[in-house]
Amino acid sequence: MVKVLIADKNFLSRTGLELLVGELKGFELVPSICGDIKALKQQLKLSRPELLIVDFVSLGISVNELPKLILQYNKTRFLAISELLPKDELSAVLASGTTSYLLKECDKSEILEAINSTIKNQKFICGKIASVLTTEAEVNINNTFIKQLNCVGINVTQREIDIIRCIAEGLSNKMIAEKLLLSNHTVNTHRKNIMAKLGVNNTAGIVMFAVKNHLLETNFNLF
């Protein structure tokens, strides 16, 4: 069983994550944390979880404190989650050693994708964070999060391009379904087909495909 610790001061967020993880087979929840960094350290030491899902902002943990915490508990994989932060802070979180990073607005499918990737020690960032970090230097710094893309010979339909654009803009499956007048199931199927065609295993890879092929506005030429 994979032990999971959830640390979030917000009751609704914490409860939602507990319910979601509780539905997963092979995962075991340890007592959650709603206090501060001291309480988090105590529980990390006590329960030794394989995965920590943490809203570091709600616990009063600064971006500068994250690297020390991650280094101290290096047997635990960190899945950070927060509201959208200023660009420099987003970059700092990714540079801190955090395995993966989500925003509070991410939908269920993206959270599940992040959990499964993180527990395999595969880095994952949500599409909106990837789209915010759009300077060439930032992409190069964080390129371990992004599988190299080769779109030679890829046959992407116009509908799939529409969905790629929406994903790159940070829209959830539900929002894409509403915008394109599709069902959630259809959008999810398209997303899976797109990832298979592009040879990527997360949303960040889709965003980078969009950047590479000029499907959204950016201020640099990535390739």
C-alpha atoms as a PDB file:
ATOM      1  CA  MET A   1       0.000   0.000   0.000  1.00  0.00           C
ATOM      2  CA  VAL A   2       1.184   3.508  -0.871  1.00  0.00           C
ATOM      3  CA  LYS A   3       0.887   5.750   2.172  1.00  0.00           C
ATOM      4  CA  VAL A   4      -0.399   9.244   1.371  1.00  0.00           C
ATOM      5  CA  LEU A   5      -0.302  12.286   3.629  1.00  0.00           C
ATOM      6  CA  ILE A   6      -2.484  15.303   2.823  1.00  0.00           C
ATOM      7  CA  ALA A   7      -1.483  18.647   4.319  1.00  0.00           C
ATOM      8  CA  ASP A   8      -3.884  21.503   3.690  1.00  0.00           C
ATOM      9  CA  LYS A   9      -5.358  24.050   6.092  1.00  0.00           C
ATOM     10  CA  ASN A  10      -8.456  24.558   3.935  1.00  0.00           C
ATOM     11  CA  PHE A  11     -11.166  22.167   5.141  1.00  0.00           C
ATOM     12  CA  LEU A  12     -12.953  21.767   1.808  1.00  0.00           C
ATOM     13  CA  SER A  13      -9.757  21.212  -0.166  1.00  0.00           C
ATOM     14  CA  ARG A  14      -8.405  18.752   2.391  1.00  0.00           C
ATOM     15  CA  THR A  15     -11.664  16.801   2.569  1.00  0.00           C
ATOM     16  CA  GLY A  16     -11.963  16.678  -1.219  1.00  0.00           C
ATOM     17  CA  LEU A  17      -8.460  15.294  -1.585  1.00  0.00           C
ATOM     18  CA  GLU A  18      -9.088  12.757   1.183  1.00  0.00           C
ATOM     19  CA  LEU A  19     -12.217  11.516  -0.603  1.00  0.00           C
ATOM     20  CA  LEU A  20     -10.420  11.314  -3.931  1.00  0.00           C
ATOM     21  CA  VAL A  21      -7.411   9.408  -2.582  1.00  0.00           C
ATOM     22  CA  GLY A  22      -9.750   7.196  -0.557  1.00  0.00           C
ATOM     23  CA  GLU A  23     -11.288   5.949  -3.812  1.00  0.00           C
ATOM     24  CA  LEU A  24      -7.935   4.774  -5.185  1.00  0.00           C
ATOM     25  CA  LYS A  25      -6.891   1.152  -4.908  1.00  0.00           C
ATOM     26  CA  GLY A  26      -3.488   0.515  -3.408  1.00  0.00           C
ATOM     27  CA  PHE A  27      -3.372   3.837  -1.528  1.00  0.00           C
ATOM     28  CA  GLU A  28      -3.657   4.318   2.225  1.00  0.00           C
ATOM     29  CA  LEU A  29      -4.377   7.672   3.863  1.00  0.00           C
ATOM     30  CA  VAL A  30      -2.485   8.592   7.015  1.00  0.00           C
ATOM     31  CA  PRO A  31      -3.891  11.295   9.361  1.00  0.00           C
ATOM     32  CA  SER A  32      -4.049  14.606   7.506  1.00  0.00           C
ATOM     33  CA  ILE A  33      -2.416  17.847   8.611  1.00  0.00           C
ATOM     34  CA  CYS A  34      -4.180  21.212   8.941  1.00  0.00           C
ATOM     35  CA  GLY A  35      -1.610  22.984  11.091  1.00  0.00           C
ATOM     36  CA  ASP A  36       1.785  24.459  10.264  1.00  0.00           C
ATOM     37  CA  ILE A  37       5.235  23.324   9.156  1.00  0.00           C
ATOM     38  CA  LYS A  38       6.011  21.966  12.643  1.00  0.00           C
ATOM     39  CA  ALA A  39       2.925  19.718  12.604  1.00  0.00           C
ATOM     40  CA  LEU A  40       3.769  18.614   9.067  1.00  0.00           C
ATOM     41  CA  LYS A  41       7.317  17.632  10.028  1.00  0.00           C
ATOM     42  CA  GLN A  42       6.040  15.652  13.007  1.00  0.00           C
ATOM     43  CA  GLN A  43       3.607  13.692  10.844  1.00  0.00           C
ATOM     44  CA  LEU A  44       6.179  13.119   8.106  1.00  0.00           C
ATOM     45  CA  LYS A  45       8.559  11.690  10.687  1.00  0.00           C
ATOM     46  CA  LEU A  46       5.827   9.590  12.302  1.00  0.00           C
ATOM     47  CA  SER A  47       4.048   8.139   9.254  1.00  0.00           C
ATOM     48  CA  ARG A  48       6.855   8.190   6.643  1.00  0.00           C
ATOM     49  CA  PRO A  49       4.474   8.479   3.663  1.00  0.00           C
ATOM     50  CA  GLU A  50       5.550   7.691   0.110  1.00  0.00           C
ATOM     51  CA  LEU A  51       3.492  10.660  -1.157  1.00  0.00           C
ATOM     52  CA  LEU A  52       2.756  14.063   0.342  1.00  0.00           C
ATOM     53  CA  ILE A  53       0.065  16.244  -1.220  1.00  0.00           C
ATOM     54  CA  VAL A  54       0.636  19.671   0.293  1.00  0.00           C
ATOM     55  CA  ASP A  55      -0.782  23.162  -0.032  1.00  0.00           C
ATOM     56  CA  PHE A  56       2.371  24.753   1.319  1.00  0.00           C
ATOM     57  CA  VAL A  57       0.887  28.251   1.115  1.00  0.00           C
ATOM     58  CA  SER A  58      -2.021  27.405   3.419  1.00  0.00           C
ATOM     59  CA  LEU A  59       0.421  25.986   5.986  1.00  0.00           C
ATOM     60  CA  GLY A  60       2.481  29.160   5.928  1.00  0.00           C
ATOM     61  CA  ILE A  61       5.462  27.450   4.274  1.00  0.00           C
ATOM     62  CA  SER A  62       7.395  29.861   2.082  1.00  0.00           C
ATOM     63  CA  VAL A  63       8.839  28.947  -1.299  1.00  0.00           C
ATOM     64  CA  ASN A  64      12.298  29.368   0.228  1.00  0.00           C
ATOM     65  CA  GLU A  65      11.537  26.769   2.918  1.00  0.00           C
ATOM     66  CA  LEU A  66      10.452  24.085   0.438  1.00  0.00           C
ATOM     67  CA  PRO A  67      13.929  22.908  -0.665  1.00  0.00           C
ATOM     68  CA  LYS A  68      15.043  22.266   2.940  1.00  0.00           C
ATOM     69  CA  LEU A  69      11.833  20.384   3.713  1.00  0.00           C
ATOM     70  CA  ILE A  70      12.133  18.259   0.566  1.00  0.00           C
ATOM     71  CA  LEU A  71      15.789  17.495   1.268  1.00  0.00           C
ATOM     72  CA  GLN A  72      15.057  16.557   4.889  1.00  0.00           C
ATOM     73  CA  TYR A  73      12.296  14.109   3.875  1.00  0.00           C
ATOM     74  CA  ASN A  74      13.833  12.831   0.652  1.00  0.00           C
ATOM     75  CA  LYS A  75      12.099   9.445   0.871  1.00  0.00           C
ATOM     76  CA  THR A  76       8.749  11.188   0.325  1.00  0.00           C
ATOM     77  CA  ARG A  77       7.623  12.428  -3.075  1.00  0.00           C
ATOM     78  CA  PHE A  78       6.114  15.912  -2.927  1.00  0.00           C
ATOM     79  CA  LEU A  79       3.008  16.860  -4.913  1.00  0.00           C
ATOM     80  CA  ALA A  80       2.578  20.582  -4.252  1.00  0.00           C
ATOM     81  CA  ILE A  81      -0.766  22.281  -4.783  1.00  0.00           C
ATOM     82  CA  SER A  82      -1.692  25.937  -4.410  1.00  0.00           C
ATOM     83  CA  GLU A  83      -3.567  28.834  -5.891  1.00  0.00           C
ATOM     84  CA  LEU A  84      -1.904  30.499  -8.883  1.00  0.00           C
ATOM     85  CA  LEU A  85       1.213  32.320  -7.639  1.00  0.00           C
ATOM     86  CA  PRO A  86       3.346  35.055  -9.239  1.00  0.00           C
ATOM     87  CA  LYS A  87       5.511  33.768 -12.062  1.00  0.00           C
ATOM     88  CA  ASP A  88       8.796  33.939 -10.139  1.00  0.00           C
ATOM     89  CA  GLU A  89       7.305  31.914  -7.278  1.00  0.00           C
ATOM     90  CA  LEU A  90       6.015  29.251  -9.683  1.00  0.00           C
ATOM     91  CA  SER A  91       9.536  28.882 -11.061  1.00  0.00           C
ATOM     92  CA  ALA A  92      10.946  28.701  -7.536  1.00  0.00           C
ATOM     93  CA  VAL A  93       8.552  25.898  -6.568  1.00  0.00           C
ATOM     94  CA  LEU A  94       9.600  23.877  -9.616  1.00  0.00           C
ATOM     95  CA  ALA A  95      13.271  24.497  -8.824  1.00  0.00           C
ATOM     96  CA  SER A  96      12.813  23.471  -5.174  1.00  0.00           C
ATOM     97  CA  GLY A  97      12.911  19.727  -5.814  1.00  0.00           C
ATOM     98  CA  THR A  98       9.136  19.312  -5.696  1.00  0.00           C
ATOM     99  CA  THR A  99       8.243  16.266  -7.762  1.00  0.00           C
ATOM    100  CA  SER A 100       4.982  17.680  -9.138  1.00  0.00           C
ATOM    101  CA  TYR A 101       2.909  20.844  -8.966  1.00  0.00           C
ATOM    102  CA  LEU A 102      -0.834  21.472  -9.387  1.00  0.00           C
ATOM    103  CA  LEU A 103      -3.176  24.405  -8.985  1.00  0.00           C
ATOM    104  CA  LYS A 104      -6.268  24.264  -6.762  1.00  0.00           C
ATOM    105  CA  GLU A 105      -8.440  24.710  -9.867  1.00  0.00           C
ATOM    106  CA  CYS A 106      -7.223  21.467 -11.502  1.00  0.00           C
ATOM    107  CA  ASP A 107      -9.969  18.959 -12.192  1.00  0.00           C
ATOM    108  CA  LYS A 108     -10.216  15.374 -10.969  1.00  0.00           C
ATOM    109  CA  SER A 109      -8.610  13.746 -14.002  1.00  0.00           C
ATOM    110  CA  GLU A 110      -5.555  16.005 -13.783  1.00  0.00           C
ATOM    111  CA  ILE A 111      -5.168  15.410 -10.035  1.00  0.00           C
ATOM    112  CA  LEU A 112      -5.341  11.643 -10.576  1.00  0.00           C
ATOM    113  CA  GLU A 113      -2.827  11.921 -13.400  1.00  0.00           C
ATOM    114  CA  ALA A 114      -0.511  13.893 -11.133  1.00  0.00           C
ATOM    115  CA  ILE A 115      -0.830  11.391  -8.258  1.00  0.00           C
ATOM    116  CA  ASN A 116      -0.082   8.413 -10.500  1.00  0.00           C
ATOM    117  CA  SER A 117       2.857  10.165 -12.172  1.00  0.00           C
ATOM    118  CA  THR A 118       4.324  11.419  -8.898  1.00  0.00           C
ATOM    119  CA  ILE A 119       4.212   8.073  -7.137  1.00  0.00           C
ATOM    120  CA  LYS A 120       6.198   6.666 -10.091  1.00  0.00           C
ATOM    121  CA  ASN A 121       8.689   9.510  -9.555  1.00  0.00           C
ATOM    122  CA  GLN A 122       7.641  11.085 -12.845  1.00  0.00           C
ATOM    123  CA  LYS A 123       7.504  14.865 -12.691  1.00  0.00           C
ATOM    124  CA  PHE A 124       4.158  16.477 -13.478  1.00  0.00           C
ATOM    125  CA  ILE A 125       2.985  20.078 -13.739  1.00  0.00           C
ATOM    126  CA  CYS A 126      -0.489  21.223 -14.670  1.00  0.00           C
ATOM    127  CA  GLY A 127      -1.092  22.839 -18.048  1.00  0.00           C
ATOM    128  CA  LYS A 128      -1.806  26.299 -16.696  1.00  0.00           C
ATOM    129  CA  ILE A 129       1.515  26.474 -14.854  1.00  0.00           C
ATOM    130  CA  ALA A 130       3.315  25.288 -17.980  1.00  0.00           C
ATOM    131  CA  SER A 131       1.564  27.935 -20.068  1.00  0.00           C
ATOM    132  CA  VAL A 132       2.462  30.705 -17.581  1.00  0.00           C
ATOM    133  CA  LEU A 133       6.143  29.774 -17.733  1.00  0.00           C
ATOM    134  CA  THR A 134       6.582  30.731 -21.360  1.00  0.00           C
ATOM    135  CA  THR A 135      10.058  32.228 -21.682  1.00  0.00           C
ATOM    136  CA  GLU A 136      12.723  30.152 -23.366  1.00  0.00           C
ATOM    137  CA  ALA A 137      14.965  30.178 -20.295  1.00  0.00           C
ATOM    138  CA  GLU A 138      12.141  28.950 -18.053  1.00  0.00           C
ATOM    139  CA  VAL A 139      11.262  26.116 -20.390  1.00  0.00           C
ATOM    140  CA  ASN A 140      14.921  25.099 -20.600  1.00  0.00           C
ATOM    141  CA  ILE A 141      15.309  25.202 -16.814  1.00  0.00           C
ATOM    142  CA  ASN A 142      12.228  23.051 -16.310  1.00  0.00           C
ATOM    143  CA  ASN A 143      12.649  20.779 -19.307  1.00  0.00           C
ATOM    144  CA  THR A 144      12.877  17.680 -17.114  1.00  0.00           C
ATOM    145  CA  PHE A 145       9.115  18.046 -16.695  1.00  0.00           C
ATOM    146  CA  ILE A 146       8.517  17.895 -20.425  1.00  0.00           C
ATOM    147  CA  LYS A 147       9.005  14.890 -22.643  1.00  0.00           C
ATOM    148  CA  GLN A 148      10.726  15.812 -25.913  1.00  0.00           C
ATOM    149  CA  LEU A 149       8.224  16.122 -28.727  1.00  0.00           C
ATOM    150  CA  ASN A 150       8.583  15.094 -32.329  1.00  0.00           C
ATOM    151  CA  CYS A 151       5.519  16.005 -34.341  1.00  0.00           C
ATOM    152  CA  VAL A 152       6.848  14.711 -37.664  1.00  0.00           C
ATOM    153  CA  GLY A 153       4.142  12.548 -39.173  1.00  0.00           C
ATOM    154  CA  ILE A 154       1.622  13.197 -36.384  1.00  0.00           C
ATOM    155  CA  ASN A 155      -1.931  13.315 -37.745  1.00  0.00           C
ATOM    156  CA  VAL A 156      -3.881  15.660 -35.463  1.00  0.00           C
ATOM    157  CA  THR A 157      -7.485  16.460 -36.381  1.00  0.00           C
ATOM    158  CA  GLN A 158      -8.990  19.935 -36.212  1.00  0.00           C
ATOM    159  CA  ARG A 159     -11.122  18.905 -33.233  1.00  0.00           C
ATOM    160  CA  GLU A 160      -7.998  17.655 -31.449  1.00  0.00           C
ATOM    161  CA  ILE A 161      -6.271  20.978 -32.198  1.00  0.00           C
ATOM    162  CA  ASP A 162      -9.244  22.791 -30.624  1.00  0.00           C
ATOM    163  CA  ILE A 163      -8.903  20.639 -27.516  1.00  0.00           C
ATOM    164  CA  ILE A 164      -5.106  21.074 -27.404  1.00  0.00           C
ATOM    165  CA  ARG A 165      -5.625  24.855 -27.433  1.00  0.00           C
ATOM    166  CA  CYS A 166      -8.129  24.600 -24.590  1.00  0.00           C
ATOM    167  CA  ILE A 167      -5.827  22.382 -22.522  1.00  0.00           C
ATOM    168  CA  ALA A 168      -2.927  24.793 -23.119  1.00  0.00           C
ATOM    169  CA  GLU A 169      -5.130  27.643 -21.883  1.00  0.00           C
ATOM    170  CA  GLY A 170      -5.600  25.767 -18.599  1.00  0.00           C
ATOM    171  CA  LEU A 171      -9.242  24.751 -19.110  1.00  0.00           C
ATOM    172  CA  SER A 172     -10.525  21.681 -17.256  1.00  0.00           C
ATOM    173  CA  ASN A 173     -12.268  18.814 -19.056  1.00  0.00           C
ATOM    174  CA  LYS A 174     -15.625  20.176 -17.894  1.00  0.00           C
ATOM    175  CA  MET A 175     -14.859  23.666 -19.180  1.00  0.00           C
ATOM    176  CA  ILE A 176     -13.660  22.286 -22.525  1.00  0.00           C
ATOM    177  CA  ALA A 177     -16.835  20.222 -22.823  1.00  0.00           C
ATOM    178  CA  GLU A 178     -18.979  23.292 -22.216  1.00  0.00           C
ATOM    179  CA  LYS A 179     -16.976  25.452 -24.618  1.00  0.00           C
ATOM    180  CA  LEU A 180     -16.963  22.920 -27.463  1.00  0.00           C
ATOM    181  CA  LEU A 181     -20.438  21.498 -26.741  1.00  0.00           C
ATOM    182  CA  LEU A 182     -19.104  18.013 -26.037  1.00  0.00           C
ATOM    183  CA  SER A 183     -19.587  15.520 -23.227  1.00  0.00           C
ATOM    184  CA  ASN A 184     -16.947  15.119 -20.497  1.00  0.00           C
ATOM    185  CA  HIS A 185     -16.427  11.537 -21.667  1.00  0.00           C
ATOM    186  CA  THR A 186     -15.749  12.675 -25.250  1.00  0.00           C
ATOM    187  CA  VAL A 187     -13.241  15.286 -24.081  1.00  0.00           C
ATOM    188  CA  ASN A 188     -11.467  12.730 -21.892  1.00  0.00           C
ATOM    189  CA  THR A 189     -11.290  10.298 -24.834  1.00  0.00           C
ATOM    190  CA  HIS A 190      -9.838  13.023 -27.069  1.00  0.00           C
ATOM    191  CA  ARG A 191      -7.280  13.889 -24.376  1.00  0.00           C
ATOM    192  CA  LYS A 192      -6.104  10.267 -24.166  1.00  0.00           C
ATOM    193  CA  ASN A 193      -5.922   9.989 -27.969  1.00  0.00           C
ATOM    194  CA  ILE A 194      -3.968  13.250 -28.184  1.00  0.00           C
ATOM    195  CA  MET A 195      -1.403  12.089 -25.605  1.00  0.00           C
ATOM    196  CA  ALA A 196      -1.010   8.775 -27.448  1.00  0.00           C
ATOM    197  CA  LYS A 197      -0.471  10.560 -30.783  1.00  0.00           C
ATOM    198  CA  LEU A 198       2.012  13.059 -29.358  1.00  0.00           C
ATOM    199  CA  GLY A 199       3.884  10.469 -27.320  1.00  0.00           C
ATOM    200  CA  VAL A 200       3.478  12.425 -24.079  1.00  0.00           C
ATOM    201  CA  ASN A 201       2.208  11.252 -20.701  1.00  0.00           C
ATOM    202  CA  ASN A 202       0.950  14.445 -19.099  1.00  0.00           C
ATOM    203  CA  THR A 203      -0.702  17.793 -19.696  1.00  0.00           C
ATOM    204  CA  ALA A 204       2.602  19.682 -19.763  1.00  0.00           C
ATOM    205  CA  GLY A 205       3.608  17.738 -22.866  1.00  0.00           C
ATOM    206  CA  ILE A 206       0.408  18.810 -24.616  1.00  0.00           C
ATOM    207  CA  VAL A 207       1.098  22.440 -23.702  1.00  0.00           C
ATOM    208  CA  MET A 208       4.610  22.231 -25.139  1.00  0.00           C
ATOM    209  CA  PHE A 209       3.217  20.776 -28.366  1.00  0.00           C
ATOM    210  CA  ALA A 210       0.886  23.774 -28.545  1.00  0.00           C
ATOM    211  CA  VAL A 211       3.815  26.145 -27.985  1.00  0.00           C
ATOM    212  CA  LYS A 212       5.996  24.399 -30.562  1.00  0.00           C
ATOM    213  CA  ASN A 213       3.296  24.530 -33.193  1.00  0.00           C
ATOM    214  CA  HIS A 214       2.228  28.129 -32.448  1.00  0.00           C
ATOM    215  CA  LEU A 215      -1.242  27.120 -31.301  1.00  0.00           C
ATOM    216  CA  LEU A 216      -1.174  29.766 -28.567  1.00  0.00           C
ATOM    217  CA  GLU A 217       0.535  33.104 -28.242  1.00  0.00           C
ATOM    218  CA  THR A 218       4.000  33.137 -26.692  1.00  0.00           C
ATOM    219  CA  ASN A 219       6.909  35.544 -26.711  1.00  0.00           C
ATOM    220  CA  PHE A 220       9.596  33.209 -27.994  1.00  0.00           C
ATOM    221  CA  ASN A 221      10.395  30.543 -30.557  1.00  0.00           C
ATOM    222  CA  LEU A 222      10.922  27.375 -28.530  1.00  0.00           C
ATOM    223  CA  PHE A 223      12.490  25.299 -31.318  1.00  0.00           C
END
